Amino acid sequence: MQVAIGLGSNLGDPLVQLAKACRAIQCFPQSRWLALSDAYVSSPQGPQDQPDFVNAVCLIETRLSARSLLEHLQAVEAAQGRVKQRHWGERVIDLDILLYGDAMICESDLTVPHAQIAQRDFVLLPLAQLCPEVVIPSFGDIERLISRLPMRFVTHSMPFMLD
């Protein structure tokens, strides 16, 4: 199954946090690393008294179930010291399953495609960089979604590569 994972951070050194999370994802069992987008810097979607975020998207191929993948991602967040301080607030790392193939999943703690995917340029832009032709289940064509974004948060992007 091809999976798109959203990565975000705005505490510590966000690029270091994203790279650390990517290296952990590369070690997931039954999974193969495929690609990593550029880094996209964006103003906060939530409270404005916090640093800008740095976001990226990675693609993996995995035989893990969506539930197992979520548990692995949450373990990475915990290992990096993620503490949820407030809704849409600052965080050392945030990892979200954006797409799990063409699956649509609606559980209490797992919604795929990600529930807010169509409103977030900091998710759509890096995803479009990696998958320009993707059609997001229940939302539609990514280019159309980008063209209809109600708000923009991304201020700029920069190359992002792992060592």
Foldseek 3Di string as FASTA:
>chain_A
DKWKKKKKAQPDPQLVLVLQLVVLVCPDPQKHWDDKFFWFWFQQPDDRPGGIMIMIMTMMDGPDDPVVVVVSSVVSQVVQPFDDPDVSDHTGMDMATQADDQDADDDPPHGYNPPCQLQAPSNLVNVCVVVVADAGPPPGHSVVSVVPHPDYTTPDTDGRDHD
